[in-house]
Amino acid sequence: MFEGEDILPPQPYDAFDLQDHNDSRFNSSVLEGYIVVFGFIYTNCPDYCPTTTADMKWIQSQLSGQERSNVSFVSITVDPWRDGPFGLTEYMEDYNVTWPHLTTSIETLETLSHIEKVWTDFSIGLVLTETNNSTDLGRGHSLYYDIEHSNGVVLVDEMGMQRVRWTHDDWNPAGILNDIRSLLN
């Protein structure tokens, strides 16, 4: 049915509360009734994340006004240790995008568990690799580490069900746009 990888059966995700780029609370209930394009990125990413963000921007620009009123875009960091609200705002300015970019405060394991639950709900795998024996801490983690993560986007229908996954193994922005339009119809 879709050009991307069908998620069968469609999977719900649990409601979540994260921190947005304005350092405000973001509750996923505001997304109810919309087609949602969830991108999973981090601001220090050297390869796929800039492409994901630029292509999400292009896809958004291709939607008609009517389509855009029914589609939301959300980016969620996979690096809350480095990506605080200020860094996410800079990233958004660099790419000239306006949709919410989400992180979490990392002061407690409980707040960190909120974003980890979101990654799990969307089947986002994440591996941190220490690259130096650094004692400097950046938002609760050593400064020198690399991240490998499941990349791409997940498309969610207006009922809150995950329907399509796109990774950079089969990346095609025009195909993603077509899948969004299929969900709209």
Protein backbone atom coordinates (compact mmCIF):
# COMPACT_ATOMS: atom_id res chain seq x y z
CA MET A 1 0.00 0.00 0.00
CA PHE A 2 2.77 2.47 0.92
CA GLU A 3 6.03 3.23 -0.84
CA GLY A 4 7.89 3.08 2.48
CA GLU A 5 7.95 0.11 4.86
CA ASP A 6 4.40 -0.67 6.01
CA ILE A 7 4.15 -1.06 9.77
CA LEU A 8 1.94 -4.12 10.09
CA PRO A 9 -0.09 -4.25 12.11
CA PRO A 10 -0.21 -0.49 12.65
CA GLN A 11 1.23 0.35 16.08
CA PRO A 12 -0.01 2.97 18.54
CA TYR A 13 2.42 5.04 20.56
CA ASP A 14 1.91 6.14 24.14
CA ALA A 15 1.14 9.78 24.86
CA PHE A 16 4.26 11.63 25.94
CA ASP A 17 5.40 14.84 27.60
CA LEU A 18 8.78 16.19 26.46
CA GLN A 19 10.59 19.53 26.47
CA ASP A 20 10.53 21.61 23.30
CA HIS A 21 13.07 24.00 21.80
CA ASN A 22 11.43 26.88 23.72
CA ASP A 23 12.05 25.02 27.00
CA SER A 24 8.27 24.53 27.32
CA ARG A 25 6.33 21.34 27.93
CA PHE A 26 5.20 19.57 24.77
CA ASN A 27 2.35 17.10 25.22
CA SER A 28 1.71 14.75 22.31
CA SER A 29 -2.06 15.15 22.76
CA VAL A 30 -1.77 18.30 20.56
CA LEU A 31 -1.04 15.94 17.65
CA GLU A 32 -4.35 14.05 17.92
CA GLY A 33 -6.29 14.07 14.66
CA TYR A 34 -3.27 14.97 12.52
CA ILE A 35 -1.06 12.97 10.19
CA VAL A 36 2.34 13.28 11.92
CA VAL A 37 5.80 13.00 10.42
CA PHE A 38 8.16 12.05 13.27
CA GLY A 39 11.84 12.56 12.51
CA PHE A 40 14.55 11.26 14.84
CA ILE A 41 17.69 13.40 14.69
CA TYR A 42 20.49 14.92 16.72
CA THR A 43 22.20 18.25 16.14
CA ASN A 44 25.80 16.94 15.98
CA CYS A 45 24.93 14.29 13.41
CA PRO A 46 27.47 14.27 10.57
CA ASP A 47 25.44 12.51 7.90
CA TYR A 48 21.77 11.43 7.89
CA CYS A 49 20.13 13.92 10.25
CA PRO A 50 20.86 17.04 8.14
CA THR A 51 19.38 15.20 5.15
CA THR A 52 16.34 14.12 7.18
CA THR A 53 15.70 17.70 8.33
CA ALA A 54 16.26 19.26 4.87
CA ASP A 55 14.00 16.68 3.25
CA MET A 56 11.28 17.12 5.90
CA LYS A 57 11.41 20.85 5.09
CA TRP A 58 11.10 20.11 1.37
CA ILE A 59 8.19 17.71 1.96
CA GLN A 60 6.40 20.32 4.10
CA SER A 61 6.93 22.91 1.32
CA GLN A 62 5.30 20.59 -1.25
CA LEU A 63 2.07 20.23 0.72
CA SER A 64 -0.84 22.46 -0.26
CA GLY A 65 -2.28 24.77 2.39
CA GLN A 66 -5.19 22.36 2.86
CA GLU A 67 -2.83 19.38 3.23
CA ARG A 68 -0.54 21.30 5.60
CA SER A 69 -3.48 22.07 7.90
CA ASN A 70 -3.84 18.31 8.49
CA VAL A 71 -0.15 17.34 8.80
CA SER A 72 2.23 18.00 11.70
CA PHE A 73 6.00 17.63 11.69
CA VAL A 74 7.93 16.81 14.87
CA SER A 75 11.65 16.13 15.37
CA ILE A 76 12.81 14.24 18.45
CA THR A 77 16.46 14.15 19.45
CA VAL A 78 18.28 10.90 20.09
CA ASP A 79 20.95 12.89 21.97
CA PRO A 80 19.29 14.63 24.94
CA TRP A 81 22.70 14.79 26.66
CA ARG A 82 23.91 17.40 24.13
CA ASP A 83 20.67 18.66 22.62
CA GLY A 84 19.07 21.06 25.06
CA PRO A 85 16.49 23.68 24.05
CA PHE A 86 19.14 26.25 23.04
CA GLY A 87 20.96 23.81 20.74
CA LEU A 88 17.70 22.68 19.16
CA THR A 89 16.68 26.30 18.52
CA GLU A 90 20.04 26.98 16.83
CA TYR A 91 19.60 23.83 14.71
CA MET A 92 16.10 24.97 13.67
CA GLU A 93 17.47 28.41 12.72
CA ASP A 94 20.30 26.81 10.72
CA TYR A 95 17.77 24.80 8.69
CA ASN A 96 15.06 27.50 8.71
CA VAL A 97 12.35 25.19 10.06
CA THR A 98 9.60 25.94 12.56
CA TRP A 99 8.11 22.63 13.67
CA PRO A 100 8.69 21.42 17.25
CA HIS A 101 12.07 19.90 18.09
CA LEU A 102 11.87 17.88 21.29
CA THR A 103 14.28 16.76 23.99
CA THR A 104 14.07 16.13 27.70
CA SER A 105 15.84 17.47 30.72
CA ILE A 106 18.41 14.92 31.81
CA GLU A 107 18.59 15.93 35.48
CA THR A 108 17.03 12.67 36.64
CA LEU A 109 16.77 9.14 35.33
CA GLU A 110 13.01 9.57 35.43
CA THR A 111 13.01 12.46 32.92
CA LEU A 112 15.50 10.58 30.72
CA SER A 113 13.19 7.56 30.81
CA HIS A 114 10.41 9.68 29.19
CA ILE A 115 12.38 10.13 25.96
CA GLU A 116 13.72 6.55 26.08
CA LYS A 117 10.09 5.35 26.17
CA VAL A 118 9.36 7.39 23.02
CA TRP A 119 12.36 5.84 21.24
CA THR A 120 11.13 2.39 22.24
CA ASP A 121 7.56 3.12 21.09
CA PHE A 122 8.88 4.11 17.65
CA SER A 123 11.42 1.24 17.47
CA ILE A 124 14.37 3.64 17.41
CA GLY A 125 17.56 1.81 18.28
CA LEU A 126 20.36 3.81 19.90
CA VAL A 127 23.98 2.94 20.67
CA LEU A 128 26.34 5.33 22.49
CA THR A 129 30.06 4.71 22.11
CA GLU A 130 32.54 6.53 24.34
CA THR A 131 35.40 7.89 22.23
CA ASN A 132 37.65 9.27 24.99
CA ASN A 133 38.10 8.91 28.73
CA SER A 134 36.72 12.36 29.25
CA THR A 135 35.76 13.60 32.69
CA ASP A 136 34.09 16.73 31.32
CA LEU A 137 30.34 16.43 31.45
CA GLY A 138 27.90 17.83 28.94
CA ARG A 139 24.31 17.71 30.23
CA GLY A 140 25.10 14.61 32.30
CA HIS A 141 27.32 12.69 29.90
CA SER A 142 30.98 12.77 28.92
CA LEU A 143 31.57 15.15 26.02
CA TYR A 144 33.26 12.57 23.82
CA TYR A 145 30.92 9.95 22.47
CA ASP A 146 29.41 8.91 19.18
CA ILE A 147 25.82 7.98 18.52
CA GLU A 148 24.47 5.40 16.13
CA HIS A 149 20.70 5.34 15.80
CA SER A 150 17.88 4.12 13.62
CA ASN A 151 17.46 7.01 11.23
CA GLY A 152 14.63 8.35 9.15
CA VAL A 153 10.99 9.13 9.79
CA VAL A 154 7.84 7.40 10.99
CA LEU A 155 4.46 8.44 9.58
CA VAL A 156 1.52 8.30 11.97
CA ASP A 157 -2.11 8.47 10.84
CA GLU A 158 -4.82 10.72 12.30
CA MET A 159 -5.84 7.91 14.69
CA GLY A 160 -2.36 7.95 16.26
CA MET A 161 -1.23 4.69 14.62
CA GLN A 162 2.27 4.24 13.22
CA ARG A 163 1.77 3.25 9.58
CA VAL A 164 4.98 3.78 7.58
CA ARG A 165 8.71 3.78 8.32
CA TRP A 166 11.34 5.33 6.07
CA THR A 167 15.05 4.83 6.74
CA HIS A 168 18.03 6.03 4.77
CA ASP A 169 18.36 2.51 3.36
CA ASP A 170 15.37 3.28 1.10
CA TRP A 171 15.19 7.10 1.46
CA ASN A 172 13.02 8.85 -1.12
CA PRO A 173 11.51 12.24 -0.20
CA ALA A 174 9.00 12.09 -3.07
CA GLY A 175 7.90 8.65 -1.85
CA ILE A 176 7.49 9.99 1.69
CA LEU A 177 5.35 12.83 0.31
CA ASN A 178 3.23 10.28 -1.62
CA ASP A 179 2.77 8.22 1.56
CA ILE A 180 1.65 11.32 3.48
CA ARG A 181 -0.88 12.03 0.73
CA SER A 182 -2.08 8.40 0.86
CA LEU A 183 -2.68 8.83 4.60
CA LEU A 184 -4.54 12.11 3.96
CA ASN A 185 -6.87 10.32 1.55
